Amino acid sequence: MINILVPVDFSKKAEYALGFALDIAKMNEAHVLAYHVVEYPTGATIDPVGMSVPTPYDSDFIDLLKKNSGSQMELFLAEFAADIDSEISVGNPYLDISYKISELNADLVVMGTKGSSGLKEFFIGSNAEKIVRTSKCPVITLSQPTAKSDIKDIAFATGVVDVSEEVMTKVKQLQELFHAKLHLVRINTPNNFERDQVIEKGLEEVARRYMLKDYTINIYNDIYEDQGILSFANKIDASMIAMGTHGRKGLKHLLSGSLAEDVVNHARRPIWTFHIPRN
């Protein structure tokens, strides 16, 4: 059983994400949970000695927030011809979603993004960066309507040394899930240059070590890594881009520099990311 968590904010992008998750579930034994977090309202009052203290909210007010969101959830799910499990909580979006990932033992998180504005425009704002950076399972972000059958070619940006075994295992599962062709690509830049023969040998060794099937080996030259990944994906008309993240300090430190953030912000195709656990 595959458990798929879809954080939703009732927007069109969230609709795309849920639709994609449900499409995956049709072809696989999967459970999809639509999950909405009402951010706990924050405020402050001044006490008699002039100190700022949090504004307390009674249980009736919290219940009202959940009830209103429940009505929104019903309308949102009515767009889908399916019986969909859903949950609503009130709290901190990042913490609640992270807890739900663990509680559900999620195998995949699917989230909608705002496209050119990237994850910072996602309904939980900067919390989305934390989810992508720290999630214990793979995360797919998308900004366009996507069907499972659309995913035929996956561009996997990787290096040739210190390749994470966990990332490679997850990438193989991703390829199997979509029955797609995998295109390993190393972006050669002036600041991170290696000879083609060295890269080809290294990528072939990666493919052999992890017993990859239905794959290609690619080297793409560009001034910047992010533009190289996007250009390569466009060149082969990739259906999805896959990359690992070390999860150091948010999206600006995915892979190298702001690489993954730039890719997510500018790619119109789905992006798959997986947090590389630290040793």
C-alpha atoms as a PDB file:
ATOM      1  CA  MET A   1       0.000   0.000   0.000  1.00  0.00           C
ATOM      2  CA  ILE A   2       1.351   3.402  -1.049  1.00  0.00           C
ATOM      3  CA  ASN A   3       0.371   6.266   1.257  1.00  0.00           C
ATOM      4  CA  ILE A   4       0.191   9.646  -0.491  1.00  0.00           C
ATOM      5  CA  LEU A   5      -0.236  12.866   1.478  1.00  0.00           C
ATOM      6  CA  VAL A   6      -1.573  15.920  -0.358  1.00  0.00           C
ATOM      7  CA  PRO A   7      -1.477  19.198   1.616  1.00  0.00           C
ATOM      8  CA  VAL A   8      -4.244  21.400   0.191  1.00  0.00           C
ATOM      9  CA  ASP A   9      -5.271  25.038   0.434  1.00  0.00           C
ATOM     10  CA  PHE A  10      -8.334  24.663  -1.851  1.00  0.00           C
ATOM     11  CA  SER A  11      -6.559  26.480  -4.707  1.00  0.00           C
ATOM     12  CA  LYS A  12      -6.346  25.436  -8.354  1.00  0.00           C
ATOM     13  CA  LYS A  13      -2.749  24.308  -7.843  1.00  0.00           C
ATOM     14  CA  ALA A  14      -3.818  22.105  -4.934  1.00  0.00           C
ATOM     15  CA  GLU A  15      -6.517  20.687  -7.217  1.00  0.00           C
ATOM     16  CA  TYR A  16      -3.826  19.738  -9.734  1.00  0.00           C
ATOM     17  CA  ALA A  17      -1.797  18.069  -6.973  1.00  0.00           C
ATOM     18  CA  LEU A  18      -4.736  16.068  -5.655  1.00  0.00           C
ATOM     19  CA  GLY A  19      -5.776  15.071  -9.169  1.00  0.00           C
ATOM     20  CA  PHE A  20      -2.267  13.793  -9.883  1.00  0.00           C
ATOM     21  CA  ALA A  21      -2.184  11.845  -6.610  1.00  0.00           C
ATOM     22  CA  LEU A  22      -5.556  10.254  -7.358  1.00  0.00           C
ATOM     23  CA  ASP A  23      -4.372   9.319 -10.842  1.00  0.00           C
ATOM     24  CA  ILE A  24      -1.368   7.561  -9.324  1.00  0.00           C
ATOM     25  CA  ALA A  25      -3.690   5.785  -6.900  1.00  0.00           C
ATOM     26  CA  LYS A  26      -5.843   4.439  -9.750  1.00  0.00           C
ATOM     27  CA  MET A  27      -2.918   2.492 -11.172  1.00  0.00           C
ATOM     28  CA  ASN A  28      -1.460   1.416  -7.855  1.00  0.00           C
ATOM     29  CA  GLU A  29      -2.711   0.161  -4.541  1.00  0.00           C
ATOM     30  CA  ALA A  30      -2.582   3.542  -2.839  1.00  0.00           C
ATOM     31  CA  HIS A  31      -4.267   5.561  -0.133  1.00  0.00           C
ATOM     32  CA  VAL A  32      -4.582   9.317  -0.691  1.00  0.00           C
ATOM     33  CA  LEU A  33      -5.177  11.763   2.150  1.00  0.00           C
ATOM     34  CA  ALA A  34      -6.114  15.397   1.467  1.00  0.00           C
ATOM     35  CA  TYR A  35      -4.824  17.368   4.447  1.00  0.00           C
ATOM     36  CA  HIS A  36      -5.512  20.988   5.326  1.00  0.00           C
ATOM     37  CA  VAL A  37      -3.911  22.879   8.179  1.00  0.00           C
ATOM     38  CA  VAL A  38      -5.642  26.000   9.475  1.00  0.00           C
ATOM     39  CA  GLU A  39      -2.789  28.122  10.704  1.00  0.00           C
ATOM     40  CA  TYR A  40      -3.395  28.911  14.351  1.00  0.00           C
ATOM     41  CA  PRO A  41      -4.115  32.654  14.545  1.00  0.00           C
ATOM     42  CA  THR A  42      -1.399  34.573  16.312  1.00  0.00           C
ATOM     43  CA  GLY A  43      -1.837  37.800  18.135  1.00  0.00           C
ATOM     44  CA  ALA A  44      -0.738  39.535  21.270  1.00  0.00           C
ATOM     45  CA  THR A  45      -2.107  41.700  24.023  1.00  0.00           C
ATOM     46  CA  ILE A  46      -0.353  43.961  26.494  1.00  0.00           C
ATOM     47  CA  ASP A  47      -0.554  42.954  30.114  1.00  0.00           C
ATOM     48  CA  PRO A  48      -0.793  45.467  33.005  1.00  0.00           C
ATOM     49  CA  VAL A  49       2.994  45.748  33.257  1.00  0.00           C
ATOM     50  CA  GLY A  50       3.410  46.400  29.556  1.00  0.00           C
ATOM     51  CA  MET A  51       4.534  42.909  28.512  1.00  0.00           C
ATOM     52  CA  SER A  52       3.312  41.334  25.277  1.00  0.00           C
ATOM     53  CA  VAL A  53       1.522  38.032  25.841  1.00  0.00           C
ATOM     54  CA  PRO A  54      -0.079  35.641  23.312  1.00  0.00           C
ATOM     55  CA  THR A  55      -3.767  36.115  22.651  1.00  0.00           C
ATOM     56  CA  PRO A  56      -5.692  33.103  23.991  1.00  0.00           C
ATOM     57  CA  TYR A  57      -8.428  31.539  21.855  1.00  0.00           C
ATOM     58  CA  ASP A  58     -11.163  29.370  23.312  1.00  0.00           C
ATOM     59  CA  SER A  59     -12.139  25.957  21.995  1.00  0.00           C
ATOM     60  CA  ASP A  60     -15.342  27.280  20.427  1.00  0.00           C
ATOM     61  CA  PHE A  61     -13.317  29.617  18.216  1.00  0.00           C
ATOM     62  CA  ILE A  62     -10.993  26.784  17.169  1.00  0.00           C
ATOM     63  CA  ASP A  63     -13.997  24.569  16.419  1.00  0.00           C
ATOM     64  CA  LEU A  64     -15.436  27.364  14.252  1.00  0.00           C
ATOM     65  CA  LEU A  65     -12.196  27.559  12.264  1.00  0.00           C
ATOM     66  CA  LYS A  66     -12.291  23.815  11.655  1.00  0.00           C
ATOM     67  CA  LYS A  67     -15.979  23.899  10.736  1.00  0.00           C
ATOM     68  CA  ASN A  68     -15.454  26.655   8.156  1.00  0.00           C
ATOM     69  CA  SER A  69     -12.506  24.786   6.657  1.00  0.00           C
ATOM     70  CA  GLY A  70     -14.573  21.614   6.657  1.00  0.00           C
ATOM     71  CA  SER A  71     -17.149  23.304   4.433  1.00  0.00           C
ATOM     72  CA  GLN A  72     -14.383  24.453   2.097  1.00  0.00           C
ATOM     73  CA  MET A  73     -12.967  20.953   2.008  1.00  0.00           C
ATOM     74  CA  GLU A  74     -16.340  19.486   1.019  1.00  0.00           C
ATOM     75  CA  LEU A  75     -16.658  21.922  -1.885  1.00  0.00           C
ATOM     76  CA  PHE A  76     -13.066  21.275  -2.921  1.00  0.00           C
ATOM     77  CA  LEU A  77     -13.422  17.486  -2.931  1.00  0.00           C
ATOM     78  CA  ALA A  78     -16.745  17.687  -4.759  1.00  0.00           C
ATOM     79  CA  GLU A  79     -14.767  18.476  -7.911  1.00  0.00           C
ATOM     80  CA  PHE A  80     -13.458  14.907  -7.907  1.00  0.00           C
ATOM     81  CA  ALA A  81     -15.522  11.855  -8.732  1.00  0.00           C
ATOM     82  CA  ALA A  82     -13.961   9.839  -5.939  1.00  0.00           C
ATOM     83  CA  ASP A  83     -14.372   8.989  -2.291  1.00  0.00           C
ATOM     84  CA  ILE A  84     -11.405  10.845  -0.791  1.00  0.00           C
ATOM     85  CA  ASP A  85     -10.202  10.728   2.787  1.00  0.00           C
ATOM     86  CA  SER A  86      -9.517  14.138   4.281  1.00  0.00           C
ATOM     87  CA  GLU A  87      -8.400  15.682   7.542  1.00  0.00           C
ATOM     88  CA  ILE A  88      -8.259  19.190   8.964  1.00  0.00           C
ATOM     89  CA  SER A  89      -6.173  20.431  11.849  1.00  0.00           C
ATOM     90  CA  VAL A  90      -5.465  23.779  13.484  1.00  0.00           C
ATOM     91  CA  GLY A  91      -1.878  24.568  14.324  1.00  0.00           C
ATOM     92  CA  ASN A  92       1.501  25.196  12.749  1.00  0.00           C
ATOM     93  CA  PRO A  93       1.427  24.100   9.085  1.00  0.00           C
ATOM     94  CA  TYR A  94       5.018  22.878   8.910  1.00  0.00           C
ATOM     95  CA  LEU A  95       4.900  20.991  12.200  1.00  0.00           C
ATOM     96  CA  ASP A  96       1.457  19.514  11.573  1.00  0.00           C
ATOM     97  CA  ILE A  97       2.281  18.354   8.044  1.00  0.00           C
ATOM     98  CA  SER A  98       5.624  16.943   9.185  1.00  0.00           C
ATOM     99  CA  TYR A  99       3.850  15.054  11.961  1.00  0.00           C
ATOM    100  CA  LYS A 100       1.242  13.790   9.506  1.00  0.00           C
ATOM    101  CA  ILE A 101       3.964  12.511   7.172  1.00  0.00           C
ATOM    102  CA  SER A 102       5.330  10.408  10.021  1.00  0.00           C
ATOM    103  CA  GLU A 103       1.933   9.371  11.387  1.00  0.00           C
ATOM    104  CA  LEU A 104       0.703   8.293   7.967  1.00  0.00           C
ATOM    105  CA  ASN A 105       4.059   6.712   7.175  1.00  0.00           C
ATOM    106  CA  ALA A 106       3.723   8.528   3.862  1.00  0.00           C
ATOM    107  CA  ASP A 107       5.553   7.187   0.839  1.00  0.00           C
ATOM    108  CA  LEU A 108       5.001  10.365  -1.161  1.00  0.00           C
ATOM    109  CA  VAL A 109       3.915  13.979  -0.686  1.00  0.00           C
ATOM    110  CA  VAL A 110       2.363  15.818  -3.632  1.00  0.00           C
ATOM    111  CA  MET A 111       2.078  19.613  -3.441  1.00  0.00           C
ATOM    112  CA  GLY A 112       0.940  22.358  -5.779  1.00  0.00           C
ATOM    113  CA  THR A 113       3.125  25.416  -6.372  1.00  0.00           C
ATOM    114  CA  LYS A 114       2.603  28.783  -8.012  1.00  0.00           C
ATOM    115  CA  GLY A 115       5.028  28.129 -10.841  1.00  0.00           C
ATOM    116  CA  SER A 116       7.311  31.097 -11.486  1.00  0.00           C
ATOM    117  CA  SER A 117       6.911  32.321  -7.924  1.00  0.00           C
ATOM    118  CA  GLY A 118       7.941  28.960  -6.581  1.00  0.00           C
ATOM    119  CA  LEU A 119       7.341  27.309  -3.259  1.00  0.00           C
ATOM    120  CA  LYS A 120       7.314  30.585  -1.351  1.00  0.00           C
ATOM    121  CA  GLU A 121       3.875  31.231  -2.841  1.00  0.00           C
ATOM    122  CA  PHE A 122       2.559  27.857  -1.687  1.00  0.00           C
ATOM    123  CA  PHE A 123      -0.160  28.221   0.916  1.00  0.00           C
ATOM    124  CA  ILE A 124       2.166  27.595   3.821  1.00  0.00           C
ATOM    125  CA  GLY A 125       4.773  29.993   2.500  1.00  0.00           C
ATOM    126  CA  SER A 126       8.273  29.348   3.776  1.00  0.00           C
ATOM    127  CA  ASN A 127       7.021  26.244   5.605  1.00  0.00           C
ATOM    128  CA  ALA A 128       6.898  24.494   2.227  1.00  0.00           C
ATOM    129  CA  GLU A 129      10.651  24.906   1.952  1.00  0.00           C
ATOM    130  CA  LYS A 130      11.035  23.143   5.284  1.00  0.00           C
ATOM    131  CA  ILE A 131       8.778  20.287   4.188  1.00  0.00           C
ATOM    132  CA  VAL A 132      10.734  19.721   0.969  1.00  0.00           C
ATOM    133  CA  ARG A 133      14.007  20.047   2.865  1.00  0.00           C
ATOM    134  CA  THR A 134      13.202  17.747   5.783  1.00  0.00           C
ATOM    135  CA  SER A 135      10.534  15.335   4.550  1.00  0.00           C
ATOM    136  CA  LYS A 136      11.446  11.723   5.209  1.00  0.00           C
ATOM    137  CA  CYS A 137       9.754  10.700   1.979  1.00  0.00           C
ATOM    138  CA  PRO A 138       9.947  12.006  -1.599  1.00  0.00           C
ATOM    139  CA  VAL A 139       8.044  15.160  -2.522  1.00  0.00           C
ATOM    140  CA  ILE A 140       6.580  16.006  -5.929  1.00  0.00           C
ATOM    141  CA  THR A 141       5.753  19.638  -6.640  1.00  0.00           C
ATOM    142  CA  LEU A 142       3.772  20.697  -9.690  1.00  0.00           C
ATOM    143  CA  SER A 143       2.066  23.767 -11.070  1.00  0.00           C
ATOM    144  CA  GLN A 144       0.221  22.370 -14.093  1.00  0.00           C
ATOM    145  CA  PRO A 145      -2.458  19.697 -14.603  1.00  0.00           C
ATOM    146  CA  THR A 146      -0.586  16.396 -14.846  1.00  0.00           C
ATOM    147  CA  ALA A 147      -1.668  12.793 -15.392  1.00  0.00           C
ATOM    148  CA  LYS A 148       0.294   9.709 -14.421  1.00  0.00           C
ATOM    149  CA  SER A 149       0.422   8.671 -18.071  1.00  0.00           C
ATOM    150  CA  ASP A 150       2.171  11.965 -18.902  1.00  0.00           C
ATOM    151  CA  ILE A 151       5.309  10.863 -17.062  1.00  0.00           C
ATOM    152  CA  LYS A 152       7.336   9.040 -19.695  1.00  0.00           C
ATOM    153  CA  ASP A 153      10.830  10.529 -19.408  1.00  0.00           C
ATOM    154  CA  ILE A 154      12.497  11.541 -16.130  1.00  0.00           C
ATOM    155  CA  ALA A 155      15.578  13.779 -16.165  1.00  0.00           C
ATOM    156  CA  PHE A 156      17.630  12.849 -13.111  1.00  0.00           C
ATOM    157  CA  ALA A 157      20.298  15.424 -12.251  1.00  0.00           C
ATOM    158  CA  THR A 158      23.181  13.724 -10.480  1.00  0.00           C
ATOM    159  CA  GLY A 159      26.903  13.733  -9.958  1.00  0.00           C
ATOM    160  CA  VAL A 160      29.318  10.830 -10.298  1.00  0.00           C
ATOM    161  CA  VAL A 161      30.809  10.701  -6.794  1.00  0.00           C
ATOM    162  CA  ASP A 162      29.227  10.301  -3.360  1.00  0.00           C
ATOM    163  CA  VAL A 163      25.957   9.192  -4.951  1.00  0.00           C
ATOM    164  CA  SER A 164      23.438   8.455  -2.207  1.00  0.00           C
ATOM    165  CA  GLU A 165      22.242   4.868  -2.115  1.00  0.00           C
ATOM    166  CA  GLU A 166      18.935   5.986  -0.598  1.00  0.00           C
ATOM    167  CA  VAL A 167      18.360   8.513  -3.376  1.00  0.00           C
ATOM    168  CA  MET A 168      19.135   5.913  -6.033  1.00  0.00           C
ATOM    169  CA  THR A 169      16.738   3.443  -4.405  1.00  0.00           C
ATOM    170  CA  LYS A 170      13.985   6.053  -4.382  1.00  0.00           C
ATOM    171  CA  VAL A 171      14.732   7.082  -7.981  1.00  0.00           C
ATOM    172  CA  LYS A 172      14.408   3.455  -9.105  1.00  0.00           C
ATOM    173  CA  GLN A 173      11.057   3.263  -7.295  1.00  0.00           C
ATOM    174  CA  LEU A 174      10.012   6.499  -9.014  1.00  0.00           C
ATOM    175  CA  GLN A 175      10.934   5.093 -12.420  1.00  0.00           C
ATOM    176  CA  GLU A 176       9.042   1.885 -11.696  1.00  0.00           C
ATOM    177  CA  LEU A 177       5.989   3.784 -10.469  1.00  0.00           C
ATOM    178  CA  PHE A 178       5.632   5.590 -13.798  1.00  0.00           C
ATOM    179  CA  HIS A 179       7.253   2.956 -16.051  1.00  0.00           C
ATOM    180  CA  ALA A 180       9.350   5.807 -17.406  1.00  0.00           C
ATOM    181  CA  LYS A 181      12.724   6.103 -19.079  1.00  0.00           C
ATOM    182  CA  LEU A 182      15.427   7.523 -16.809  1.00  0.00           C
ATOM    183  CA  HIS A 183      17.880  10.077 -18.190  1.00  0.00           C
ATOM    184  CA  LEU A 184      20.905  10.545 -15.950  1.00  0.00           C
ATOM    185  CA  VAL A 185      22.472  13.940 -16.583  1.00  0.00           C
ATOM    186  CA  ARG A 186      25.515  15.656 -15.229  1.00  0.00           C
ATOM    187  CA  ILE A 187      25.586  19.416 -15.881  1.00  0.00           C
ATOM    188  CA  ASN A 188      29.085  20.544 -16.799  1.00  0.00           C
ATOM    189  CA  THR A 189      29.741  24.175 -15.849  1.00  0.00           C
ATOM    190  CA  PRO A 190      32.902  26.315 -16.022  1.00  0.00           C
ATOM    191  CA  ASN A 191      33.092  26.316 -12.210  1.00  0.00           C
ATOM    192  CA  ASN A 192      32.501  22.580 -11.891  1.00  0.00           C
ATOM    193  CA  PHE A 193      34.056  21.120 -15.012  1.00  0.00           C
ATOM    194  CA  GLU A 194      35.068  17.539 -15.713  1.00  0.00           C
ATOM    195  CA  ARG A 195      36.103  15.870 -18.940  1.00  0.00           C
ATOM    196  CA  ASP A 196      33.379  14.004 -20.804  1.00  0.00           C
ATOM    197  CA  GLN A 197      35.255  10.712 -20.589  1.00  0.00           C
ATOM    198  CA  VAL A 198      35.429  10.973 -16.788  1.00  0.00           C
ATOM    199  CA  ILE A 199      31.738  11.819 -16.460  1.00  0.00           C
ATOM    200  CA  GLU A 200      30.605   9.084 -18.839  1.00  0.00           C
ATOM    201  CA  LYS A 201      32.662   6.474 -17.016  1.00  0.00           C
ATOM    202  CA  GLY A 202      31.362   7.683 -13.651  1.00  0.00           C
ATOM    203  CA  LEU A 203      27.690   7.684 -14.686  1.00  0.00           C
ATOM    204  CA  GLU A 204      28.014   4.265 -16.278  1.00  0.00           C
ATOM    205  CA  GLU A 205      29.472   2.994 -13.017  1.00  0.00           C
ATOM    206  CA  VAL A 206      26.509   4.483 -11.113  1.00  0.00           C
ATOM    207  CA  ALA A 207      24.103   2.776 -13.520  1.00  0.00           C
ATOM    208  CA  ARG A 208      25.933  -0.543 -13.190  1.00  0.00           C
ATOM    209  CA  ARG A 209      26.222  -0.363  -9.401  1.00  0.00           C
ATOM    210  CA  TYR A 210      22.512   0.270  -8.938  1.00  0.00           C
ATOM    211  CA  MET A 211      21.457  -2.051 -11.760  1.00  0.00           C
ATOM    212  CA  LEU A 212      19.509   0.608 -13.626  1.00  0.00           C
ATOM    213  CA  LYS A 213      17.364  -0.351 -16.596  1.00  0.00           C
ATOM    214  CA  ASP A 214      15.921   1.682 -19.456  1.00  0.00           C
ATOM    215  CA  TYR A 215      18.225   4.665 -18.972  1.00  0.00           C
ATOM    216  CA  THR A 216      20.471   7.035 -20.886  1.00  0.00           C
ATOM    217  CA  ILE A 217      23.744   8.727 -19.926  1.00  0.00           C
ATOM    218  CA  ASN A 218      23.972  12.439 -20.656  1.00  0.00           C
ATOM    219  CA  ILE A 219      26.365  15.364 -20.274  1.00  0.00           C
ATOM    220  CA  TYR A 220      25.030  18.861 -20.755  1.00  0.00           C
ATOM    221  CA  ASN A 221      27.187  21.981 -20.865  1.00  0.00           C
ATOM    222  CA  ASP A 222      25.913  25.267 -19.507  1.00  0.00           C
ATOM    223  CA  ILE A 223      27.142  28.278 -17.591  1.00  0.00           C
ATOM    224  CA  TYR A 224      24.779  27.611 -14.688  1.00  0.00           C
ATOM    225  CA  GLU A 225      23.577  24.291 -13.299  1.00  0.00           C
ATOM    226  CA  ASP A 226      19.944  25.284 -12.887  1.00  0.00           C
ATOM    227  CA  GLN A 227      19.675  26.569 -16.436  1.00  0.00           C
ATOM    228  CA  GLY A 228      21.471  23.471 -17.645  1.00  0.00           C
ATOM    229  CA  ILE A 229      18.959  21.167 -15.969  1.00  0.00           C
ATOM    230  CA  LEU A 230      16.028  23.130 -17.365  1.00  0.00           C
ATOM    231  CA  SER A 231      17.560  23.294 -20.841  1.00  0.00           C
ATOM    232  CA  PHE A 232      18.344  19.586 -20.849  1.00  0.00           C
ATOM    233  CA  ALA A 233      14.812  18.759 -19.669  1.00  0.00           C
ATOM    234  CA  ASN A 234      13.437  20.911 -22.474  1.00  0.00           C
ATOM    235  CA  LYS A 235      15.768  19.331 -25.003  1.00  0.00           C
ATOM    236  CA  ILE A 236      14.571  15.795 -24.306  1.00  0.00           C
ATOM    237  CA  ASP A 237      11.035  16.958 -23.482  1.00  0.00           C
ATOM    238  CA  ALA A 238      11.284  15.387 -20.031  1.00  0.00           C
ATOM    239  CA  SER A 239       8.011  14.821 -18.210  1.00  0.00           C
ATOM    240  CA  MET A 240       9.616  15.233 -14.786  1.00  0.00           C
ATOM    241  CA  ILE A 241      12.854  16.426 -13.203  1.00  0.00           C
ATOM    242  CA  ALA A 242      14.300  14.479 -10.272  1.00  0.00           C
ATOM    243  CA  MET A 243      17.000  15.655  -7.876  1.00  0.00           C
ATOM    244  CA  GLY A 244      18.285  15.045  -4.361  1.00  0.00           C
ATOM    245  CA  THR A 245      18.605  17.605  -1.598  1.00  0.00           C
ATOM    246  CA  HIS A 246      20.987  17.668   1.333  1.00  0.00           C
ATOM    247  CA  GLY A 247      18.466  19.777   3.229  1.00  0.00           C
ATOM    248  CA  ARG A 248      20.949  22.071   4.904  1.00  0.00           C
ATOM    249  CA  LYS A 249      19.235  25.465   5.137  1.00  0.00           C
ATOM    250  CA  GLY A 250      16.193  25.425   2.938  1.00  0.00           C
ATOM    251  CA  LEU A 251      15.817  25.457  -0.799  1.00  0.00           C
ATOM    252  CA  LYS A 252      18.724  27.834  -1.318  1.00  0.00           C
ATOM    253  CA  HIS A 253      20.995  24.996  -0.252  1.00  0.00           C
ATOM    254  CA  LEU A 254      19.433  22.193  -2.265  1.00  0.00           C
ATOM    255  CA  LEU A 255      22.189  20.509  -4.214  1.00  0.00           C
ATOM    256  CA  SER A 256      24.479  23.482  -4.846  1.00  0.00           C
ATOM    257  CA  GLY A 257      23.680  27.099  -4.133  1.00  0.00           C
ATOM    258  CA  SER A 258      20.097  27.983  -5.103  1.00  0.00           C
ATOM    259  CA  LEU A 259      20.011  25.289  -7.768  1.00  0.00           C
ATOM    260  CA  ALA A 260      16.842  23.401  -6.870  1.00  0.00           C
ATOM    261  CA  GLU A 261      14.992  26.546  -5.842  1.00  0.00           C
ATOM    262  CA  ASP A 262      15.686  28.041  -9.261  1.00  0.00           C
ATOM    263  CA  VAL A 263      14.641  24.834 -10.989  1.00  0.00           C
ATOM    264  CA  VAL A 264      11.400  24.576  -9.009  1.00  0.00           C
ATOM    265  CA  ASN A 265      10.637  28.255  -9.577  1.00  0.00           C
ATOM    266  CA  HIS A 266      11.081  28.136 -13.324  1.00  0.00           C
ATOM    267  CA  ALA A 267      10.133  24.621 -14.359  1.00  0.00           C
ATOM    268  CA  ARG A 268       6.652  24.044 -15.694  1.00  0.00           C
ATOM    269  CA  ARG A 269       7.045  20.289 -15.340  1.00  0.00           C
ATOM    270  CA  PRO A 270       6.736  18.311 -12.087  1.00  0.00           C
ATOM    271  CA  ILE A 271       9.783  18.241  -9.813  1.00  0.00           C
ATOM    272  CA  TRP A 272      10.623  15.233  -7.625  1.00  0.00           C
ATOM    273  CA  THR A 273      12.943  15.818  -4.679  1.00  0.00           C
ATOM    274  CA  PHE A 274      14.233  13.547  -1.951  1.00  0.00           C
ATOM    275  CA  HIS A 275      16.128  14.589   1.157  1.00  0.00           C
ATOM    276  CA  ILE A 276      19.543  12.946   1.358  1.00  0.00           C
ATOM    277  CA  PRO A 277      19.998  11.925   5.006  1.00  0.00           C
ATOM    278  CA  ARG A 278      23.191  13.132   6.642  1.00  0.00           C
ATOM    279  CA  ASN A 279      25.650  10.505   7.719  1.00  0.00           C
END
